[in-house]
C-alpha atoms as a PDB file:
ATOM      1  CA  MET A   1     -12.178 -31.530 149.671  1.00  0.00           C
ATOM      2  CA  SER A   2     -13.375 -34.952 148.804  1.00  0.00           C
ATOM      3  CA  TYR A   3     -15.516 -36.674 151.350  1.00  0.00           C
ATOM      4  CA  ASP A   4     -15.131 -40.404 151.882  1.00  0.00           C
ATOM      5  CA  TYR A   5     -18.610 -41.903 152.248  1.00  0.00           C
ATOM      6  CA  GLU A   6     -17.357 -45.455 152.605  1.00  0.00           C
ATOM      7  CA  ASN A   7     -15.646 -44.781 155.914  1.00  0.00           C
ATOM      8  CA  GLU A   8     -18.736 -43.060 157.266  1.00  0.00           C
ATOM      9  CA  GLU A   9     -20.914 -46.078 156.499  1.00  0.00           C
ATOM     10  CA  GLU A  10     -18.524 -48.551 158.113  1.00  0.00           C
ATOM     11  CA  GLU A  11     -18.333 -46.782 161.465  1.00  0.00           C
ATOM     12  CA  PRO A  12     -22.028 -47.095 162.359  1.00  0.00           C
ATOM     13  CA  LYS A  13     -21.943 -50.785 161.452  1.00  0.00           C
ATOM     14  CA  GLU A  14     -19.135 -51.365 163.911  1.00  0.00           C
ATOM     15  CA  GLU A  15     -21.038 -49.483 166.601  1.00  0.00           C
ATOM     16  CA  LYS A  16     -24.155 -51.554 165.962  1.00  0.00           C
ATOM     17  CA  GLU A  17     -22.165 -54.778 166.256  1.00  0.00           C
ATOM     18  CA  GLU A  18     -20.723 -53.666 169.580  1.00  0.00           C
ATOM     19  CA  LYS A  19     -24.176 -52.791 170.905  1.00  0.00           C
ATOM     20  CA  THR A  20     -25.606 -56.190 170.014  1.00  0.00           C
ATOM     21  CA  GLU A  21     -22.687 -57.938 171.699  1.00  0.00           C
ATOM     22  CA  GLU A  22     -23.279 -55.901 174.850  1.00  0.00           C
ATOM     23  CA  GLU A  23     -26.983 -56.694 174.799  1.00  0.00           C
ATOM     24  CA  GLU A  24     -26.263 -60.404 174.480  1.00  0.00           C
ATOM     25  CA  GLU A  25     -24.024 -60.290 177.530  1.00  0.00           C
ATOM     26  CA  GLU A  26     -26.795 -58.711 179.610  1.00  0.00           C
ATOM     27  CA  LEU A  27     -29.220 -61.600 179.075  1.00  0.00           C
ATOM     28  CA  PRO A  28     -29.563 -63.880 182.089  1.00  0.00           C
ATOM     29  CA  ALA A  29     -28.555 -67.495 181.808  1.00  0.00           C
ATOM     30  CA  LEU A  30     -31.482 -69.857 181.328  1.00  0.00           C
ATOM     31  CA  THR A  31     -31.739 -73.276 182.885  1.00  0.00           C
ATOM     32  CA  LEU A  32     -33.253 -76.249 181.113  1.00  0.00           C
ATOM     33  CA  GLN A  33     -36.368 -75.841 183.242  1.00  0.00           C
ATOM     34  CA  ASP A  34     -36.689 -72.200 182.164  1.00  0.00           C
ATOM     35  CA  ILE A  35     -36.419 -73.175 178.511  1.00  0.00           C
ATOM     36  CA  GLU A  36     -38.995 -75.948 178.924  1.00  0.00           C
ATOM     37  CA  LEU A  37     -41.391 -73.491 180.567  1.00  0.00           C
ATOM     38  CA  LEU A  38     -40.912 -71.013 177.735  1.00  0.00           C
ATOM     39  CA  MET A  39     -41.593 -73.722 175.164  1.00  0.00           C
ATOM     40  CA  LYS A  40     -44.739 -74.921 176.916  1.00  0.00           C
ATOM     41  CA  ASN A  41     -46.036 -71.375 177.316  1.00  0.00           C
ATOM     42  CA  THR A  42     -45.312 -70.647 173.658  1.00  0.00           C
ATOM     43  CA  GLU A  43     -47.406 -73.675 172.686  1.00  0.00           C
ATOM     44  CA  VAL A  44     -50.251 -72.383 174.863  1.00  0.00           C
ATOM     45  CA  TRP A  45     -50.040 -68.962 173.189  1.00  0.00           C
ATOM     46  CA  ASP A  46     -50.067 -70.589 169.745  1.00  0.00           C
ATOM     47  CA  GLU A  47     -53.197 -72.570 170.606  1.00  0.00           C
ATOM     48  CA  LEU A  48     -54.851 -69.477 172.075  1.00  0.00           C
ATOM     49  CA  ILE A  49     -54.107 -67.331 169.032  1.00  0.00           C
ATOM     50  CA  ALA A  50     -55.291 -70.088 166.696  1.00  0.00           C
ATOM     51  CA  GLY A  51     -58.589 -70.185 168.597  1.00  0.00           C
ATOM     52  CA  LYS A  52     -58.154 -73.797 169.701  1.00  0.00           C
ATOM     53  CA  ILE A  53     -58.509 -72.914 173.405  1.00  0.00           C
ATOM     54  CA  THR A  54     -60.216 -70.174 175.403  1.00  0.00           C
ATOM     55  CA  ILE A  55     -58.571 -67.552 177.560  1.00  0.00           C
ATOM     56  CA  GLU A  56     -59.651 -69.390 180.706  1.00  0.00           C
ATOM     57  CA  GLN A  57     -58.104 -72.620 179.463  1.00  0.00           C
ATOM     58  CA  ALA A  58     -54.902 -70.760 178.617  1.00  0.00           C
ATOM     59  CA  LYS A  59     -54.754 -69.239 182.108  1.00  0.00           C
ATOM     60  CA  LYS A  60     -55.171 -72.686 183.617  1.00  0.00           C
ATOM     61  CA  LEU A  61     -52.397 -74.119 181.437  1.00  0.00           C
ATOM     62  CA  PHE A  62     -50.055 -71.237 182.288  1.00  0.00           C
ATOM     63  CA  GLU A  63     -50.659 -71.834 185.996  1.00  0.00           C
ATOM     64  CA  GLU A  64     -50.077 -75.584 185.627  1.00  0.00           C
ATOM     65  CA  ASN A  65     -46.834 -74.976 183.740  1.00  0.00           C
ATOM     66  CA  TYR A  66     -45.638 -72.573 186.427  1.00  0.00           C
ATOM     67  CA  GLU A  67     -46.546 -75.001 189.226  1.00  0.00           C
ATOM     68  CA  GLU A  68     -44.590 -77.753 187.483  1.00  0.00           C
ATOM     69  CA  LEU A  69     -41.560 -75.468 187.319  1.00  0.00           C
ATOM     70  CA  VAL A  70     -41.824 -74.548 190.998  1.00  0.00           C
ATOM     71  CA  ASN A  71     -42.212 -78.198 192.025  1.00  0.00           C
ATOM     72  CA  SER A  72     -39.214 -79.290 189.960  1.00  0.00           C
ATOM     73  CA  GLN A  73     -37.120 -76.527 191.526  1.00  0.00           C
ATOM     74  CA  LYS A  74     -38.185 -77.583 195.014  1.00  0.00           C
ATOM     75  CA  LYS A  75     -37.205 -81.178 194.293  1.00  0.00           C
ATOM     76  CA  ARG A  76     -33.905 -79.971 192.958  1.00  0.00           C
ATOM     77  CA  THR A  77     -33.076 -77.997 196.114  1.00  0.00           C
ATOM     78  CA  VAL A  78     -34.011 -80.948 198.325  1.00  0.00           C
ATOM     79  CA  ARG A  79     -31.700 -83.209 196.344  1.00  0.00           C
ATOM     80  CA  LYS A  80     -28.852 -80.724 196.661  1.00  0.00           C
ATOM     81  CA  LYS A  81     -29.342 -80.507 200.422  1.00  0.00           C
ATOM     82  CA  THR A  82     -29.316 -84.282 200.865  1.00  0.00           C
ATOM     83  CA  THR A  83     -26.171 -84.704 198.811  1.00  0.00           C
ATOM     84  CA  LYS A  84     -24.434 -82.001 200.816  1.00  0.00           C
ATOM     85  CA  SER A  85     -25.305 -83.666 204.083  1.00  0.00           C
ATOM     86  CA  LYS A  86     -23.945 -87.001 202.841  1.00  0.00           C
ATOM     87  CA  LYS A  87     -20.676 -85.352 201.882  1.00  0.00           C
ATOM     88  CA  THR A  88     -20.293 -83.746 205.299  1.00  0.00           C
ATOM     89  CA  LYS A  89     -20.956 -87.105 206.974  1.00  0.00           C
ATOM     90  CA  VAL A  90     -18.211 -88.714 204.905  1.00  0.00           C
ATOM     91  CA  LYS A  91     -15.797 -85.912 205.761  1.00  0.00           C
ATOM     92  CA  GLU A  92     -16.620 -86.253 209.458  1.00  0.00           C
ATOM     93  CA  GLU A  93     -15.972 -90.004 209.332  1.00  0.00           C
ATOM     94  CA  GLU A  94     -12.649 -89.443 207.574  1.00  0.00           C
ATOM     95  CA  GLU A  95     -11.560 -86.959 210.248  1.00  0.00           C
ATOM     96  CA  GLU A  96     -12.261 -89.434 213.048  1.00  0.00           C
END
């Protein structure tokens, strides 16, 4: 009746590896703009924690960073719409 401890230890490790792989798959894809926003906000938090800025200044910076993201996304959607309309015009001319 010998008990094999080595096999028991290996099984939980395999389960843990599978769980981390599943968790990684559940993360949403980040765009470059999302990453830039995260970096800027991290810098604001670092300055706030270090005592270099006040809470009010941090709030203002967070809002500015968010507005920049929203504006860049708006510009991006406008560009996509204009390029789509140009493509449809070309297709229409080709059909004629």
